[in-house]
Amino acid sequence: MIFYAGKFRARAIIAAGAAAVAAFAAPTTASSSKQKSNAPSYLEYIAARVLIDEGRLAQAAAALEKVIVSDPDAATAYRDLAETYLKMGDGEKAMAMADEIARRFDDKETVRFLATLYFYTFSHKRAAYYFEKVLEDDPDDEDAMTFLANYYSTVKPDEAIKYLDRLSDRNPHDAAVFARLAAVYEKLKIYDAAIGHYRKSMELDPEFKEAHLALSRIYEVLRDTRAAIGEYGAYLEADPRNTAVLAYLGALYFAAGELDKAGDTFERLVEISTADAAAHMWLGAVASEKGELAKAVRHFERAAAAEPSPAVYQYLTELHIRRKDFASARRSVEEAAR
């Protein structure tokens, strides 16, 4: 049993060594004498890689710490140590090691490693710096473009457009890229471009119904109620039981003075959610505007039964007074005071 366990571990060491040899040896090929002097460090590094594969992270970290002391040029060991600290949940040590790596090395692999490490440690400003360096070396790197587009869309939207345009050029059939471009243009209040890109995203992906909500939001900002209504209606064709959108559409119809359509919309909402107090209040408001006071009272009473509130009883009081039903008005005032 001991023989087989030792044999298995030996194979693991050989496998780990084969995977790591090129990366570790690369910084130490200046001379044969340097390779010989680094031989103990190399063996320690291989042992550390085995420990990482076995999940023995604390021991791996200790081994890697010895490696970088004996061979300060072992960039791979530094990177593995930073990553091991991160896996151990020691973000402070991982960040300190990343800073040390940044001071010592500037090769392509290190730049990409730092970009990724800073991303996973939520140091997004630093990650952006290194992803930009990645793009300097490889202008077609879509991972770098994607990160930079996402990062700048929050902190500097006009800069995000540059990267999203590059992504859209490389992925002309990707609806998500055009939707992200649209969202950035919307944030910048460049509404014509936002509308165009949202529509492009829907052309590429007809099931992307959320674009209708974004467009309706823009049209409301532009005070184009008719266009906003159209987009909410288009969304409901795909999702007819969405109560939030039904409520918003009904409110827009009401604001536009289209009382019959507002009433029909809120009736649809009540069919889905019979105890929706807000929907009954809207139906009461529609009936009140149409002069159907008894109907308005019934809806407000249903709203009060579903969700009693001073506001509901205030409306009821006013309706009773308009109907000259002063006894009912007095009762509504008493209910509001409770």
Protein backbone atom coordinates (compact mmCIF):
# COMPACT_ATOMS: atom_id res chain seq x y z
CA MET A 1 0.00 0.00 0.00
CA ILE A 2 2.82 2.39 0.91
CA PHE A 3 4.62 1.46 -2.31
CA TYR A 4 1.60 2.29 -4.46
CA ALA A 5 0.91 5.54 -2.61
CA GLY A 6 4.50 6.62 -3.14
CA LYS A 7 4.31 5.61 -6.78
CA PHE A 8 1.12 7.61 -7.25
CA ARG A 9 2.65 10.70 -5.64
CA ALA A 10 5.73 10.35 -7.83
CA ARG A 11 3.56 10.32 -10.92
CA ALA A 12 1.73 13.40 -9.67
CA ILE A 13 5.03 15.20 -9.21
CA ILE A 14 6.17 14.21 -12.70
CA ALA A 15 2.87 15.40 -14.21
CA ALA A 16 2.98 18.70 -12.36
CA GLY A 17 6.57 19.15 -13.40
CA ALA A 18 5.77 18.57 -17.07
CA ALA A 19 3.01 21.18 -16.96
CA ALA A 20 5.15 23.79 -15.22
CA VAL A 21 8.59 23.30 -16.69
CA ALA A 22 8.38 25.74 -19.58
CA ALA A 23 6.84 28.57 -17.56
CA PHE A 24 9.25 28.25 -14.67
CA ALA A 25 12.35 27.68 -16.77
CA ALA A 26 11.72 30.61 -19.13
CA PRO A 27 13.03 33.36 -16.83
CA THR A 28 16.11 31.31 -15.91
CA THR A 29 17.59 30.38 -19.31
CA ALA A 30 20.22 33.09 -19.41
CA SER A 31 23.00 30.64 -18.64
CA SER A 32 23.55 27.01 -17.78
CA SER A 33 25.12 27.97 -14.47
CA LYS A 34 21.99 29.89 -13.47
CA GLN A 35 19.83 26.89 -14.36
CA LYS A 36 21.95 24.71 -12.11
CA SER A 37 21.75 27.18 -9.23
CA ASN A 38 17.95 27.28 -9.57
CA ALA A 39 17.55 23.52 -9.55
CA PRO A 40 16.51 23.34 -5.86
CA SER A 41 13.99 26.16 -6.40
CA TYR A 42 12.59 24.35 -9.39
CA LEU A 43 12.04 21.17 -7.41
CA GLU A 44 10.40 23.14 -4.61
CA TYR A 45 8.16 24.78 -7.18
CA ILE A 46 7.09 21.41 -8.59
CA ALA A 47 6.31 20.21 -5.06
CA ALA A 48 4.25 23.36 -4.47
CA ARG A 49 2.26 22.71 -7.64
CA VAL A 50 1.46 19.21 -6.43
CA LEU A 51 0.28 20.63 -3.11
CA ILE A 52 -1.99 23.08 -4.98
CA ASP A 53 -3.46 20.22 -7.01
CA GLU A 54 -4.09 18.32 -3.78
CA GLY A 55 -5.82 21.34 -2.22
CA ARG A 56 -3.19 21.79 0.49
CA LEU A 57 -3.05 25.52 -0.05
CA ALA A 58 -1.35 26.68 3.17
CA GLN A 59 1.54 24.26 2.59
CA ALA A 60 1.69 25.26 -1.07
CA ALA A 61 1.88 28.93 -0.12
CA ALA A 62 4.72 28.24 2.32
CA ALA A 63 6.63 26.33 -0.38
CA LEU A 64 6.12 29.07 -2.95
CA GLU A 65 7.27 31.70 -0.46
CA LYS A 66 10.58 29.81 -0.22
CA VAL A 67 10.82 29.59 -4.01
CA ILE A 68 10.56 33.33 -4.61
CA VAL A 69 13.16 34.00 -1.91
CA SER A 70 15.66 31.65 -3.53
CA ASP A 71 14.75 32.66 -7.09
CA PRO A 72 13.43 36.27 -7.27
CA ASP A 73 13.09 35.97 -11.08
CA ALA A 74 10.57 33.11 -10.97
CA ALA A 75 7.56 35.05 -12.30
CA THR A 76 5.39 31.93 -12.46
CA ALA A 77 5.99 31.22 -8.78
CA TYR A 78 4.97 34.76 -7.88
CA ARG A 79 1.77 34.42 -9.90
CA ASP A 80 0.94 31.04 -8.39
CA LEU A 81 1.54 32.43 -4.90
CA ALA A 82 -0.80 35.38 -5.46
CA GLU A 83 -3.46 33.03 -6.82
CA THR A 84 -2.98 30.65 -3.88
CA TYR A 85 -3.44 33.49 -1.40
CA LEU A 86 -6.65 34.38 -3.20
CA LYS A 87 -7.92 30.80 -3.06
CA MET A 88 -7.16 30.79 0.67
CA GLY A 89 -9.35 33.87 1.09
CA ASP A 90 -6.45 36.10 2.04
CA GLY A 91 -7.20 39.05 -0.23
CA GLU A 92 -4.73 41.33 1.53
CA LYS A 93 -1.78 39.03 0.84
CA ALA A 94 -2.99 38.40 -2.71
CA MET A 95 -3.09 42.13 -3.40
CA ALA A 96 0.32 42.69 -1.84
CA MET A 97 1.77 39.95 -4.02
CA ALA A 98 0.06 41.41 -7.09
CA ASP A 99 1.71 44.75 -6.37
CA GLU A 100 5.06 43.01 -6.03
CA ILE A 101 4.53 41.21 -9.34
CA ALA A 102 3.67 44.52 -11.01
CA ARG A 103 6.94 46.01 -9.76
CA ARG A 104 9.08 43.08 -10.88
CA PHE A 105 7.63 41.85 -14.17
CA ASP A 106 6.03 43.31 -17.29
CA ASP A 107 5.82 40.37 -19.70
CA LYS A 108 2.59 39.65 -21.58
CA GLU A 109 1.55 36.74 -19.39
CA THR A 110 2.03 38.81 -16.24
CA VAL A 111 -0.01 41.69 -17.64
CA ARG A 112 -2.90 39.37 -18.42
CA PHE A 113 -2.58 37.68 -15.03
CA LEU A 114 -2.72 41.01 -13.18
CA ALA A 115 -5.73 42.14 -15.19
CA THR A 116 -7.57 38.97 -14.21
CA LEU A 117 -6.43 39.00 -10.57
CA TYR A 118 -7.45 42.62 -10.03
CA PHE A 119 -10.81 41.84 -11.63
CA TYR A 120 -11.49 38.97 -9.22
CA THR A 121 -10.41 41.08 -6.25
CA PHE A 122 -12.80 43.85 -7.35
CA SER A 123 -9.94 46.30 -7.95
CA HIS A 124 -11.59 47.29 -11.18
CA LYS A 125 -9.66 50.49 -11.77
CA ARG A 126 -6.38 48.56 -11.69
CA ALA A 127 -7.89 45.79 -13.77
CA ALA A 128 -8.89 48.35 -16.40
CA TYR A 129 -5.31 49.63 -16.56
CA TYR A 130 -3.96 46.14 -17.25
CA PHE A 131 -6.75 45.15 -19.66
CA GLU A 132 -5.88 48.25 -21.67
CA LYS A 133 -2.28 47.01 -21.75
CA VAL A 134 -3.55 43.62 -22.92
CA LEU A 135 -5.27 45.36 -25.83
CA GLU A 136 -2.11 47.25 -26.70
CA ASP A 137 -0.46 43.90 -27.30
CA ASP A 138 -3.51 42.12 -28.72
CA PRO A 139 -6.10 44.56 -30.17
CA ASP A 140 -8.49 41.67 -30.91
CA ASP A 141 -8.78 40.40 -27.34
CA GLU A 142 -12.54 40.32 -26.75
CA ASP A 143 -12.29 39.49 -23.04
CA ALA A 144 -10.36 42.72 -22.49
CA MET A 145 -12.82 44.70 -24.63
CA THR A 146 -15.77 43.23 -22.74
CA PHE A 147 -14.34 44.06 -19.32
CA LEU A 148 -13.43 47.60 -20.36
CA ALA A 149 -16.85 48.17 -21.91
CA ASN A 150 -18.58 47.02 -18.71
CA TYR A 151 -16.25 48.99 -16.45
CA TYR A 152 -16.43 52.25 -18.35
CA SER A 153 -20.20 52.01 -18.84
CA THR A 154 -20.42 52.73 -15.12
CA VAL A 155 -17.63 55.23 -14.55
CA LYS A 156 -17.14 56.83 -17.97
CA PRO A 157 -19.90 55.90 -20.43
CA ASP A 158 -18.50 57.79 -23.41
CA GLU A 159 -15.31 55.70 -23.11
CA ALA A 160 -17.38 52.49 -23.02
CA ILE A 161 -18.79 53.27 -26.48
CA LYS A 162 -15.30 52.93 -27.98
CA TYR A 163 -14.99 49.35 -26.78
CA LEU A 164 -18.60 48.41 -27.51
CA ASP A 165 -18.24 49.69 -31.07
CA ARG A 166 -15.22 47.43 -31.50
CA LEU A 167 -17.18 44.49 -30.09
CA SER A 168 -20.14 45.19 -32.39
CA ASP A 169 -17.80 45.35 -35.41
CA ARG A 170 -16.43 41.94 -34.46
CA ASN A 171 -19.86 40.51 -33.52
CA PRO A 172 -22.36 42.13 -35.90
CA HIS A 173 -25.04 39.54 -35.08
CA ASP A 174 -24.78 39.73 -31.28
CA ALA A 175 -27.96 41.37 -29.98
CA ALA A 176 -26.51 41.74 -26.48
CA VAL A 177 -23.70 44.00 -27.69
CA PHE A 178 -26.16 46.36 -29.40
CA ALA A 179 -28.38 46.35 -26.30
CA ARG A 180 -25.41 47.35 -24.14
CA LEU A 181 -24.52 50.11 -26.61
CA ALA A 182 -28.12 51.31 -26.45
CA ALA A 183 -28.04 51.38 -22.65
CA VAL A 184 -24.86 53.47 -22.65
CA TYR A 185 -26.30 55.92 -25.17
CA GLU A 186 -29.42 56.15 -23.00
CA LYS A 187 -27.28 56.93 -19.97
CA LEU A 188 -25.58 59.67 -21.98
CA LYS A 189 -29.02 60.97 -23.03
CA ILE A 190 -28.17 60.46 -26.69
CA TYR A 191 -31.66 59.15 -27.28
CA ASP A 192 -31.71 58.83 -31.08
CA ALA A 193 -28.68 56.51 -30.96
CA ALA A 194 -30.16 54.60 -28.02
CA ILE A 195 -33.44 54.03 -29.86
CA GLY A 196 -31.62 52.87 -32.99
CA HIS A 197 -29.46 50.39 -31.10
CA TYR A 198 -32.37 48.99 -29.08
CA ARG A 199 -34.23 48.42 -32.33
CA LYS A 200 -31.16 46.78 -33.85
CA SER A 201 -30.94 44.44 -30.86
CA MET A 202 -34.58 43.41 -31.41
CA GLU A 203 -33.95 42.79 -35.10
CA LEU A 204 -31.17 40.41 -34.16
CA ASP A 205 -33.13 38.81 -31.31
CA PRO A 206 -36.93 39.13 -31.71
CA GLU A 207 -37.39 37.54 -28.27
CA PHE A 208 -35.54 40.38 -26.56
CA LYS A 209 -38.78 41.92 -25.29
CA GLU A 210 -37.07 43.96 -22.56
CA ALA A 211 -35.95 46.38 -25.27
CA HIS A 212 -39.59 47.49 -25.56
CA LEU A 213 -39.51 48.56 -21.91
CA ALA A 214 -36.29 50.50 -22.47
CA LEU A 215 -37.79 52.22 -25.49
CA SER A 216 -40.97 53.10 -23.61
CA ARG A 217 -38.81 54.61 -20.87
CA ILE A 218 -36.99 56.77 -23.41
CA TYR A 219 -40.22 57.88 -25.08
CA GLU A 220 -41.60 58.93 -21.72
CA VAL A 221 -38.52 61.06 -21.15
CA LEU A 222 -39.10 62.57 -24.60
CA ARG A 223 -42.77 63.11 -23.63
CA ASP A 224 -43.95 60.99 -26.54
CA THR A 225 -46.76 59.23 -24.69
CA ARG A 226 -48.20 57.64 -27.81
CA ALA A 227 -44.89 55.96 -28.68
CA ALA A 228 -44.40 54.84 -25.07
CA ILE A 229 -47.86 53.27 -25.07
CA GLY A 230 -47.00 51.44 -28.28
CA GLU A 231 -43.85 49.94 -26.76
CA TYR A 232 -45.63 48.82 -23.59
CA GLY A 233 -48.29 47.23 -25.77
CA ALA A 234 -45.64 45.44 -27.82
CA TYR A 235 -44.07 44.10 -24.64
CA LEU A 236 -47.44 42.79 -23.42
CA GLU A 237 -47.90 40.86 -26.64
CA ALA A 238 -44.97 38.74 -25.48
CA ASP A 239 -45.81 38.79 -21.77
CA PRO A 240 -49.55 39.50 -21.44
CA ARG A 241 -49.77 38.74 -17.70
CA ASN A 242 -47.05 41.12 -16.53
CA THR A 243 -48.94 43.06 -13.87
CA ALA A 244 -46.36 45.83 -13.49
CA VAL A 245 -46.42 46.65 -17.20
CA LEU A 246 -50.22 46.44 -17.31
CA ALA A 247 -50.43 48.93 -14.44
CA TYR A 248 -48.01 51.31 -16.13
CA LEU A 249 -49.79 51.07 -19.47
CA GLY A 250 -53.13 51.74 -17.83
CA ALA A 251 -51.70 54.80 -16.09
CA LEU A 252 -50.37 56.12 -19.41
CA TYR A 253 -53.77 55.65 -21.06
CA PHE A 254 -55.34 57.52 -18.14
CA ALA A 255 -52.83 60.37 -18.42
CA ALA A 256 -53.50 60.57 -22.16
CA GLY A 257 -57.24 60.84 -21.51
CA GLU A 258 -58.01 57.49 -23.15
CA LEU A 259 -60.31 56.38 -20.38
CA ASP A 260 -61.89 53.39 -22.10
CA LYS A 261 -58.49 51.89 -22.89
CA ALA A 262 -57.31 52.67 -19.36
CA GLY A 263 -60.36 50.90 -17.95
CA ASP A 264 -59.87 47.86 -20.20
CA THR A 265 -56.23 47.62 -19.16
CA PHE A 266 -56.98 47.77 -15.45
CA GLU A 267 -59.78 45.23 -15.89
CA ARG A 268 -57.18 42.88 -17.37
CA LEU A 269 -55.03 43.53 -14.32
CA VAL A 270 -57.91 42.72 -11.94
CA GLU A 271 -58.57 39.47 -13.81
CA ILE A 272 -55.00 38.44 -13.06
CA SER A 273 -54.89 39.81 -9.51
CA THR A 274 -58.40 40.19 -8.10
CA ALA A 275 -57.21 41.68 -4.80
CA ASP A 276 -55.00 44.34 -6.38
CA ALA A 277 -55.99 47.44 -4.41
CA ALA A 278 -54.15 49.80 -6.77
CA ALA A 279 -55.95 48.40 -9.82
CA HIS A 280 -59.34 48.96 -8.16
CA MET A 281 -58.33 52.50 -7.24
CA TRP A 282 -57.41 53.17 -10.87
CA LEU A 283 -60.71 51.69 -12.04
CA GLY A 284 -62.44 53.90 -9.50
CA ALA A 285 -60.57 56.92 -10.87
CA VAL A 286 -61.55 56.01 -14.44
CA ALA A 287 -65.20 55.63 -13.48
CA SER A 288 -65.07 58.92 -11.57
CA GLU A 289 -63.66 60.75 -14.59
CA LYS A 290 -66.47 59.31 -16.72
CA GLY A 291 -69.06 60.46 -14.18
CA GLU A 292 -69.96 56.89 -13.18
CA LEU A 293 -69.88 57.65 -9.46
CA ALA A 294 -71.65 54.54 -8.15
CA LYS A 295 -69.21 52.35 -10.09
CA ALA A 296 -66.31 54.43 -8.78
CA VAL A 297 -67.53 53.90 -5.19
CA ARG A 298 -67.68 50.12 -5.71
CA HIS A 299 -64.10 49.99 -6.91
CA PHE A 300 -62.78 52.15 -4.09
CA GLU A 301 -64.66 50.00 -1.60
CA ARG A 302 -62.97 46.92 -3.06
CA ALA A 303 -59.63 48.70 -2.79
CA ALA A 304 -60.39 49.48 0.88
CA ALA A 305 -61.32 45.86 1.53
CA ALA A 306 -58.07 44.65 -0.04
CA GLU A 307 -55.78 47.25 1.51
CA PRO A 308 -57.35 49.81 3.86
CA SER A 309 -55.61 53.18 3.89
CA PRO A 310 -56.47 56.83 4.66
CA ALA A 311 -55.99 57.68 0.97
CA VAL A 312 -58.66 55.20 -0.13
CA TYR A 313 -61.15 56.50 2.43
CA GLN A 314 -60.40 60.08 1.44
CA TYR A 315 -61.35 59.28 -2.15
CA LEU A 316 -64.47 57.49 -0.93
CA THR A 317 -65.42 60.50 1.18
CA GLU A 318 -65.14 62.80 -1.81
CA LEU A 319 -67.19 60.45 -4.00
CA HIS A 320 -69.95 60.15 -1.38
CA ILE A 321 -70.08 63.92 -1.07
CA ARG A 322 -70.38 64.27 -4.86
CA ARG A 323 -73.26 61.78 -4.71
CA LYS A 324 -74.75 63.72 -1.76
CA ASP A 325 -74.55 60.60 0.37
CA PHE A 326 -73.43 62.40 3.50
CA ALA A 327 -74.02 59.48 5.87
CA SER A 328 -71.61 57.30 3.87
CA ALA A 329 -69.17 60.21 3.66
CA ARG A 330 -69.21 60.48 7.46
CA ARG A 331 -68.51 56.74 7.82
CA SER A 332 -65.56 57.04 5.41
CA VAL A 333 -64.14 59.88 7.48
CA GLU A 334 -64.46 57.73 10.60
CA GLU A 335 -62.72 54.81 8.87
CA ALA A 336 -59.88 57.08 7.74
CA ALA A 337 -59.36 58.21 11.33
CA ARG A 338 -59.01 54.69 12.71
